[in-house]
């Protein structure tokens, strides 16, 4: 089971996987999203992810879909609601 390694161009999904110690294979198994789909998102080859698949991935990673597609916007909104 190959782990995702830190790079400068990681997707939000990859970052969340690293934080939680998950491989793409494990994320695929838990979410039901094919590993090839996750790899495509990571390589930014598949640019229009299926919302239902994103939802399933977000559930496994314990976050919202917005955290996976627009993490900077989600962080801004979270900090503005805390203030």
PDB file of N, CA and C in Angstrom:
ATOM      1  N   UNK A   1       0.852  -1.167   0.000  1.00  0.00           N
ATOM      2  CA  UNK A   1       0.000   0.000   0.000  1.00  0.00           C
ATOM      3  C   UNK A   1       0.902   1.236   0.000  1.00  0.00           C
ATOM      4  N   UNK A   2       0.948   1.933  -1.090  1.00  0.00           N
ATOM      5  CA  UNK A   2       1.815   3.095  -1.232  1.00  0.00           C
ATOM      6  C   UNK A   2       1.193   4.321  -0.569  1.00  0.00           C
ATOM      7  N   UNK A   3       1.964   4.986   0.268  1.00  0.00           N
ATOM      8  CA  UNK A   3       1.517   6.209   0.937  1.00  0.00           C
ATOM      9  C   UNK A   3       1.756   7.402   0.021  1.00  0.00           C
ATOM     10  N   UNK A   4       0.959   8.425   0.203  1.00  0.00           N
ATOM     11  CA  UNK A   4       1.100   9.661  -0.552  1.00  0.00           C
ATOM     12  C   UNK A   4       2.242  10.449   0.084  1.00  0.00           C
ATOM     13  N   UNK A   5       3.128  10.973  -0.740  1.00  0.00           N
ATOM     14  CA  UNK A   5       4.266  11.720  -0.216  1.00  0.00           C
ATOM     15  C   UNK A   5       4.031  13.216  -0.361  1.00  0.00           C
ATOM     16  N   UNK A   6       4.644  13.988   0.545  1.00  0.00           N
ATOM     17  CA  UNK A   6       4.498  15.451   0.521  1.00  0.00           C
ATOM     18  C   UNK A   6       5.190  16.033  -0.710  1.00  0.00           C
ATOM     19  N   UNK A   7       4.469  16.898  -1.390  1.00  0.00           N
ATOM     20  CA  UNK A   7       4.994  17.651  -2.536  1.00  0.00           C
ATOM     21  C   UNK A   7       4.351  19.023  -2.455  1.00  0.00           C
ATOM     22  N   UNK A   8       4.852  19.925  -3.250  1.00  0.00           N
ATOM     23  CA  UNK A   8       4.304  21.274  -3.245  1.00  0.00           C
ATOM     24  C   UNK A   8       2.966  21.400  -3.935  1.00  0.00           C
ATOM     25  N   UNK A   9       2.632  20.468  -4.817  1.00  0.00           N
ATOM     26  CA  UNK A   9       1.407  20.582  -5.616  1.00  0.00           C
ATOM     27  C   UNK A   9       0.324  19.590  -5.210  1.00  0.00           C
ATOM     28  N   UNK A  10       0.258  19.250  -3.944  1.00  0.00           N
ATOM     29  CA  UNK A  10      -0.739  18.286  -3.481  1.00  0.00           C
ATOM     30  C   UNK A  10      -2.150  18.856  -3.566  1.00  0.00           C
ATOM     31  N   UNK A  11      -3.077  17.985  -3.885  1.00  0.00           N
ATOM     32  CA  UNK A  11      -4.483  18.374  -3.865  1.00  0.00           C
ATOM     33  C   UNK A  11      -4.968  18.357  -2.419  1.00  0.00           C
ATOM     34  N   UNK A  12      -6.081  19.023  -2.141  1.00  0.00           N
ATOM     35  CA  UNK A  12      -6.628  18.986  -0.776  1.00  0.00           C
ATOM     36  C   UNK A  12      -6.931  17.563  -0.300  1.00  0.00           C
ATOM     37  N   UNK A  13      -7.356  16.697  -1.207  1.00  0.00           N
ATOM     38  CA  UNK A  13      -7.638  15.303  -0.835  1.00  0.00           C
ATOM     39  C   UNK A  13      -6.345  14.622  -0.392  1.00  0.00           C
ATOM     40  N   UNK A  14      -5.266  14.831  -1.153  1.00  0.00           N
ATOM     41  CA  UNK A  14      -3.981  14.233  -0.784  1.00  0.00           C
ATOM     42  C   UNK A  14      -3.506  14.745   0.568  1.00  0.00           C
ATOM     43  N   UNK A  15      -3.662  16.041   0.812  1.00  0.00           N
ATOM     44  CA  UNK A  15      -3.234  16.616   2.096  1.00  0.00           C
ATOM     45  C   UNK A  15      -4.010  15.993   3.249  1.00  0.00           C
ATOM     46  N   UNK A  16      -5.323  15.836   3.072  1.00  0.00           N
ATOM     47  CA  UNK A  16      -6.147  15.234   4.126  1.00  0.00           C
ATOM     48  C   UNK A  16      -5.744  13.773   4.356  1.00  0.00           C
ATOM     49  N   UNK A  17      -5.422  13.064   3.279  1.00  0.00           N
ATOM     50  CA  UNK A  17      -4.991  11.666   3.408  1.00  0.00           C
ATOM     51  C   UNK A  17      -3.690  11.583   4.203  1.00  0.00           C
ATOM     52  N   UNK A  18      -2.751  12.470   3.908  1.00  0.00           N
ATOM     53  CA  UNK A  18      -1.484  12.480   4.630  1.00  0.00           C
ATOM     54  C   UNK A  18      -1.729  12.778   6.105  1.00  0.00           C
ATOM     55  N   UNK A  19      -2.568  13.772   6.387  1.00  0.00           N
ATOM     56  CA  UNK A  19      -2.876  14.131   7.779  1.00  0.00           C
ATOM     57  C   UNK A  19      -3.438  12.937   8.554  1.00  0.00           C
ATOM     58  N   UNK A  20      -4.247  12.122   7.863  1.00  0.00           N
ATOM     59  CA  UNK A  20      -4.910  11.002   8.538  1.00  0.00           C
ATOM     60  C   UNK A  20      -4.184   9.671   8.358  1.00  0.00           C
ATOM     61  N   UNK A  21      -3.071   9.701   7.610  1.00  0.00           N
ATOM     62  CA  UNK A  21      -2.294   8.480   7.407  1.00  0.00           C
ATOM     63  C   UNK A  21      -2.959   7.469   6.494  1.00  0.00           C
ATOM     64  N   UNK A  22      -3.752   7.957   5.545  1.00  0.00           N
ATOM     65  CA  UNK A  22      -4.461   7.076   4.612  1.00  0.00           C
ATOM     66  C   UNK A  22      -3.759   7.041   3.265  1.00  0.00           C
ATOM     67  N   UNK A  23      -3.758   5.885   2.642  1.00  0.00           N
ATOM     68  CA  UNK A  23      -3.308   5.780   1.259  1.00  0.00           C
ATOM     69  C   UNK A  23      -4.524   5.977   0.352  1.00  0.00           C
ATOM     70  N   UNK A  24      -4.290   6.193  -0.922  1.00  0.00           N
ATOM     71  CA  UNK A  24      -5.423   6.310  -1.854  1.00  0.00           C
ATOM     72  C   UNK A  24      -6.196   4.997  -1.917  1.00  0.00           C
ATOM     73  N   UNK A  25      -5.474   3.898  -1.801  1.00  0.00           N
ATOM     74  CA  UNK A  25      -6.135   2.585  -1.825  1.00  0.00           C
ATOM     75  C   UNK A  25      -7.106   2.453  -0.655  1.00  0.00           C
ATOM     76  N   UNK A  26      -6.666   2.868   0.526  1.00  0.00           N
ATOM     77  CA  UNK A  26      -7.530   2.793   1.708  1.00  0.00           C
ATOM     78  C   UNK A  26      -8.697   3.767   1.581  1.00  0.00           C
ATOM     79  N   UNK A  27      -8.429   4.971   1.078  1.00  0.00           N
ATOM     80  CA  UNK A  27      -9.502   5.944   0.863  1.00  0.00           C
ATOM     81  C   UNK A  27     -10.518   5.388  -0.129  1.00  0.00           C
ATOM     82  N   UNK A  28     -10.026   4.749  -1.170  1.00  0.00           N
ATOM     83  CA  UNK A  28     -10.909   4.138  -2.164  1.00  0.00           C
ATOM     84  C   UNK A  28     -11.768   3.048  -1.533  1.00  0.00           C
ATOM     85  N   UNK A  29     -11.153   2.200  -0.731  1.00  0.00           N
ATOM     86  CA  UNK A  29     -11.882   1.100  -0.092  1.00  0.00           C
ATOM     87  C   UNK A  29     -12.973   1.634   0.832  1.00  0.00           C
ATOM     88  N   UNK A  30     -12.640   2.651   1.624  1.00  0.00           N
ATOM     89  CA  UNK A  30     -13.607   3.183   2.581  1.00  0.00           C
ATOM     90  C   UNK A  30     -14.716   3.999   1.926  1.00  0.00           C
ATOM     91  N   UNK A  31     -14.387   4.705   0.839  1.00  0.00           N
ATOM     92  CA  UNK A  31     -15.370   5.593   0.214  1.00  0.00           C
ATOM     93  C   UNK A  31     -16.153   4.936  -0.914  1.00  0.00           C
ATOM     94  N   UNK A  32     -15.585   3.893  -1.506  1.00  0.00           N
ATOM     95  CA  UNK A  32     -16.233   3.270  -2.652  1.00  0.00           C
ATOM     96  C   UNK A  32     -15.922   3.971  -3.964  1.00  0.00           C
ATOM     97  N   UNK A  33     -15.064   4.977  -3.931  1.00  0.00           N
ATOM     98  CA  UNK A  33     -14.655   5.691  -5.144  1.00  0.00           C
ATOM     99  C   UNK A  33     -13.452   4.949  -5.716  1.00  0.00           C
ATOM    100  N   UNK A  34     -13.476   4.610  -7.002  1.00  0.00           N
ATOM    101  CA  UNK A  34     -12.359   3.858  -7.590  1.00  0.00           C
ATOM    102  C   UNK A  34     -11.019   4.565  -7.398  1.00  0.00           C
ATOM    103  N   UNK A  35      -9.981   3.771  -7.126  1.00  0.00           N
ATOM    104  CA  UNK A  35      -8.657   4.333  -6.912  1.00  0.00           C
ATOM    105  C   UNK A  35      -8.174   5.084  -8.151  1.00  0.00           C
ATOM    106  N   UNK A  36      -8.555   4.618  -9.331  1.00  0.00           N
ATOM    107  CA  UNK A  36      -8.168   5.308 -10.573  1.00  0.00           C
ATOM    108  C   UNK A  36      -8.778   6.707 -10.626  1.00  0.00           C
ATOM    109  N   UNK A  37      -9.977   6.866 -10.123  1.00  0.00           N
ATOM    110  CA  UNK A  37     -10.618   8.183 -10.068  1.00  0.00           C
ATOM    111  C   UNK A  37      -9.846   9.093  -9.120  1.00  0.00           C
ATOM    112  N   UNK A  38      -9.490   8.578  -7.950  1.00  0.00           N
ATOM    113  CA  UNK A  38      -8.716   9.361  -6.982  1.00  0.00           C
ATOM    114  C   UNK A  38      -7.361   9.755  -7.561  1.00  0.00           C
ATOM    115  N   UNK A  39      -6.730   8.834  -8.279  1.00  0.00           N
ATOM    116  CA  UNK A  39      -5.448   9.132  -8.919  1.00  0.00           C
ATOM    117  C   UNK A  39      -5.608  10.205  -9.984  1.00  0.00           C
ATOM    118  N   UNK A  40      -6.707  10.156 -10.728  1.00  0.00           N
ATOM    119  CA  UNK A  40      -6.977  11.167 -11.747  1.00  0.00           C
ATOM    120  C   UNK A  40      -7.166  12.547 -11.139  1.00  0.00           C
ATOM    121  N   UNK A  41      -7.879  12.608 -10.017  1.00  0.00           N
ATOM    122  CA  UNK A  41      -8.050  13.894  -9.323  1.00  0.00           C
ATOM    123  C   UNK A  41      -6.709  14.406  -8.830  1.00  0.00           C
ATOM    124  N   UNK A  42      -5.894  13.499  -8.300  1.00  0.00           N
ATOM    125  CA  UNK A  42      -4.596  13.883  -7.760  1.00  0.00           C
ATOM    126  C   UNK A  42      -3.665  14.400  -8.854  1.00  0.00           C
ATOM    127  N   UNK A  43      -3.722  13.767 -10.006  1.00  0.00           N
ATOM    128  CA  UNK A  43      -2.886  14.180 -11.136  1.00  0.00           C
ATOM    129  C   UNK A  43      -3.500  15.365 -11.881  1.00  0.00           C
ATOM    130  N   UNK A  44      -4.691  15.759 -11.445  1.00  0.00           N
ATOM    131  CA  UNK A  44      -5.452  16.858 -12.057  1.00  0.00           C
ATOM    132  C   UNK A  44      -5.780  16.581 -13.526  1.00  0.00           C
ATOM    133  N   UNK A  45      -5.928  15.279 -13.838  1.00  0.00           N
ATOM    134  CA  UNK A  45      -6.345  14.863 -15.176  1.00  0.00           C
ATOM    135  C   UNK A  45      -7.860  14.917 -15.274  1.00  0.00           C
ATOM    136  N   UNK A  46      -8.520  14.508 -14.192  1.00  0.00           N
ATOM    137  CA  UNK A  46      -9.986  14.566 -14.127  1.00  0.00           C
ATOM    138  C   UNK A  46     -10.341  15.856 -13.413  1.00  0.00           C
ATOM    139  N   UNK A  47     -10.818  16.827 -14.159  1.00  0.00           N
ATOM    140  CA  UNK A  47     -11.047  18.153 -13.575  1.00  0.00           C
ATOM    141  C   UNK A  47     -12.495  18.399 -13.149  1.00  0.00           C
ATOM    142  N   UNK A  48     -13.415  17.523 -13.507  1.00  0.00           N
ATOM    143  CA  UNK A  48     -14.820  17.703 -13.137  1.00  0.00           C
ATOM    144  C   UNK A  48     -15.283  16.532 -12.277  1.00  0.00           C
ATOM    145  N   UNK A  49     -14.936  16.565 -10.992  1.00  0.00           N
ATOM    146  CA  UNK A  49     -15.312  15.434 -10.143  1.00  0.00           C
ATOM    147  C   UNK A  49     -16.822  15.330  -9.936  1.00  0.00           C
ATOM    148  N   UNK A  50     -17.273  14.114  -9.800  1.00  0.00           N
ATOM    149  CA  UNK A  50     -18.668  13.821  -9.521  1.00  0.00           C
ATOM    150  C   UNK A  50     -18.958  14.237  -8.085  1.00  0.00           C
ATOM    151  N   UNK A  51     -19.996  15.019  -7.873  1.00  0.00           N
ATOM    152  CA  UNK A  51     -20.318  15.545  -6.546  1.00  0.00           C
ATOM    153  C   UNK A  51     -20.614  14.409  -5.561  1.00  0.00           C
ATOM    154  N   UNK A  52     -21.296  13.389  -5.989  1.00  0.00           N
ATOM    155  CA  UNK A  52     -21.603  12.280  -5.090  1.00  0.00           C
ATOM    156  C   UNK A  52     -20.319  11.579  -4.645  1.00  0.00           C
ATOM    157  N   UNK A  53     -19.368  11.407  -5.580  1.00  0.00           N
ATOM    158  CA  UNK A  53     -18.092  10.796  -5.217  1.00  0.00           C
ATOM    159  C   UNK A  53     -17.324  11.693  -4.244  1.00  0.00           C
ATOM    160  N   UNK A  54     -17.333  12.997  -4.495  1.00  0.00           N
ATOM    161  CA  UNK A  54     -16.683  13.934  -3.572  1.00  0.00           C
ATOM    162  C   UNK A  54     -17.317  13.861  -2.187  1.00  0.00           C
ATOM    163  N   UNK A  55     -18.624  13.730  -2.146  1.00  0.00           N
ATOM    164  CA  UNK A  55     -19.337  13.622  -0.873  1.00  0.00           C
ATOM    165  C   UNK A  55     -18.866  12.391  -0.099  1.00  0.00           C
ATOM    166  N   UNK A  56     -18.750  11.255  -0.791  1.00  0.00           N
ATOM    167  CA  UNK A  56     -18.316  10.032  -0.136  1.00  0.00           C
ATOM    168  C   UNK A  56     -16.887  10.157   0.381  1.00  0.00           C
ATOM    169  N   UNK A  57     -16.011  10.799  -0.390  1.00  0.00           N
ATOM    170  CA  UNK A  57     -14.631  11.017   0.038  1.00  0.00           C
ATOM    171  C   UNK A  57     -14.598  11.952   1.242  1.00  0.00           C
ATOM    172  N   UNK A  58     -15.388  13.020   1.184  1.00  0.00           N
ATOM    173  CA  UNK A  58     -15.440  13.975   2.297  1.00  0.00           C
ATOM    174  C   UNK A  58     -15.915  13.292   3.576  1.00  0.00           C
ATOM    175  N   UNK A  59     -16.882  12.389   3.472  1.00  0.00           N
ATOM    176  CA  UNK A  59     -17.363  11.665   4.653  1.00  0.00           C
ATOM    177  C   UNK A  59     -16.243  10.857   5.293  1.00  0.00           C
ATOM    178  N   UNK A  60     -15.471  10.172   4.475  1.00  0.00           N
ATOM    179  CA  UNK A  60     -14.371   9.360   4.993  1.00  0.00           C
ATOM    180  C   UNK A  60     -13.309  10.250   5.637  1.00  0.00           C
ATOM    181  N   UNK A  61     -13.037  11.397   5.011  1.00  0.00           N
ATOM    182  CA  UNK A  61     -11.998  12.291   5.513  1.00  0.00           C
ATOM    183  C   UNK A  61     -12.490  13.211   6.633  1.00  0.00           C
ATOM    184  N   UNK A  62     -13.780  13.158   6.923  1.00  0.00           N
ATOM    185  CA  UNK A  62     -14.339  13.951   8.011  1.00  0.00           C
ATOM    186  C   UNK A  62     -14.335  15.440   7.737  1.00  0.00           C
ATOM    187  N   UNK A  63     -14.682  15.809   6.507  1.00  0.00           N
ATOM    188  CA  UNK A  63     -14.707  17.221   6.147  1.00  0.00           C
ATOM    189  C   UNK A  63     -15.888  17.494   5.221  1.00  0.00           C
ATOM    190  N   UNK A  64     -15.992  18.715   4.728  1.00  0.00           N
ATOM    191  CA  UNK A  64     -17.035  19.106   3.786  1.00  0.00           C
ATOM    192  C   UNK A  64     -16.481  19.068   2.362  1.00  0.00           C
ATOM    193  N   UNK A  65     -17.361  18.929   1.392  1.00  0.00           N
ATOM    194  CA  UNK A  65     -16.944  18.941  -0.009  1.00  0.00           C
ATOM    195  C   UNK A  65     -16.160  20.214  -0.326  1.00  0.00           C
ATOM    196  N   UNK A  66     -16.604  21.331   0.234  1.00  0.00           N
ATOM    197  CA  UNK A  66     -15.935  22.612  -0.024  1.00  0.00           C
ATOM    198  C   UNK A  66     -14.466  22.572   0.394  1.00  0.00           C
ATOM    199  N   UNK A  67     -14.160  21.814   1.448  1.00  0.00           N
ATOM    200  CA  UNK A  67     -12.782  21.697   1.903  1.00  0.00           C
ATOM    201  C   UNK A  67     -11.905  20.987   0.876  1.00  0.00           C
ATOM    202  N   UNK A  68     -12.537  20.184   0.030  1.00  0.00           N
ATOM    203  CA  UNK A  68     -11.789  19.418  -0.961  1.00  0.00           C
ATOM    204  C   UNK A  68     -11.646  20.145  -2.286  1.00  0.00           C
ATOM    205  N   UNK A  69     -12.607  21.014  -2.606  1.00  0.00           N
ATOM    206  CA  UNK A  69     -12.532  21.676  -3.906  1.00  0.00           C
ATOM    207  C   UNK A  69     -12.101  23.132  -3.816  1.00  0.00           C
ATOM    208  N   UNK A  70     -12.387  23.769  -2.698  1.00  0.00           N
ATOM    209  CA  UNK A  70     -12.014  25.167  -2.500  1.00  0.00           C
ATOM    210  C   UNK A  70     -11.535  25.359  -1.068  1.00  0.00           C
ATOM    211  N   UNK A  71     -10.401  24.770  -0.702  1.00  0.00           N
ATOM    212  CA  UNK A  71      -9.981  24.820   0.702  1.00  0.00           C
ATOM    213  C   UNK A  71      -9.702  26.234   1.204  1.00  0.00           C
ATOM    214  N   UNK A  72      -9.164  27.095   0.360  1.00  0.00           N
ATOM    215  CA  UNK A  72      -8.876  28.459   0.796  1.00  0.00           C
ATOM    216  C   UNK A  72     -10.167  29.204   1.113  1.00  0.00           C
ATOM    217  N   UNK A  73     -11.193  29.025   0.292  1.00  0.00           N
ATOM    218  CA  UNK A  73     -12.480  29.666   0.514  1.00  0.00           C
ATOM    219  C   UNK A  73     -13.127  29.132   1.795  1.00  0.00           C
ATOM    220  N   UNK A  74     -13.043  27.832   2.012  1.00  0.00           N
ATOM    221  CA  UNK A  74     -13.624  27.236   3.210  1.00  0.00           C
ATOM    222  C   UNK A  74     -12.925  27.750   4.466  1.00  0.00           C
ATOM    223  N   UNK A  75     -11.604  27.926   4.402  1.00  0.00           N
ATOM    224  CA  UNK A  75     -10.860  28.460   5.557  1.00  0.00           C
ATOM    225  C   UNK A  75     -11.264  29.906   5.837  1.00  0.00           C
ATOM    226  N   UNK A  76     -11.437  30.691   4.791  1.00  0.00           N
ATOM    227  CA  UNK A  76     -11.841  32.092   4.950  1.00  0.00           C
ATOM    228  C   UNK A  76     -13.220  32.167   5.595  1.00  0.00           C
ATOM    229  N   UNK A  77     -14.149  31.327   5.141  1.00  0.00           N
ATOM    230  CA  UNK A  77     -15.502  31.347   5.680  1.00  0.00           C
ATOM    231  C   UNK A  77     -15.508  30.899   7.137  1.00  0.00           C
ATOM    232  N   UNK A  78     -14.701  29.911   7.469  1.00  0.00           N
ATOM    233  CA  UNK A  78     -14.630  29.430   8.843  1.00  0.00           C
ATOM    234  C   UNK A  78     -14.062  30.499   9.765  1.00  0.00           C
ATOM    235  N   UNK A  79     -13.042  31.204   9.306  1.00  0.00           N
ATOM    236  CA  UNK A  79     -12.447  32.238  10.160  1.00  0.00           C
ATOM    237  C   UNK A  79     -13.368  33.448  10.289  1.00  0.00           C
ATOM    238  N   UNK A  80     -14.168  33.735   9.271  1.00  0.00           N
ATOM    239  CA  UNK A  80     -15.082  34.871   9.357  1.00  0.00           C
ATOM    240  C   UNK A  80     -16.266  34.577  10.271  1.00  0.00           C
ATOM    241  N   UNK A  81     -16.678  33.317  10.386  1.00  0.00           N
ATOM    242  CA  UNK A  81     -17.773  32.967  11.282  1.00  0.00           C
ATOM    243  C   UNK A  81     -17.300  32.897  12.734  1.00  0.00           C
ATOM    244  N   UNK A  82     -16.005  32.662  12.944  1.00  0.00           N
ATOM    245  CA  UNK A  82     -15.462  32.611  14.296  1.00  0.00           C
ATOM    246  C   UNK A  82     -15.270  34.016  14.862  1.00  0.00           C
ATOM    247  N   UNK A  83     -15.057  34.992  13.981  1.00  0.00           N
ATOM    248  CA  UNK A  83     -14.768  36.359  14.430  1.00  0.00           C
ATOM    249  C   UNK A  83     -15.997  37.107  14.887  1.00  0.00           C
TER     250      UNK A  83
END
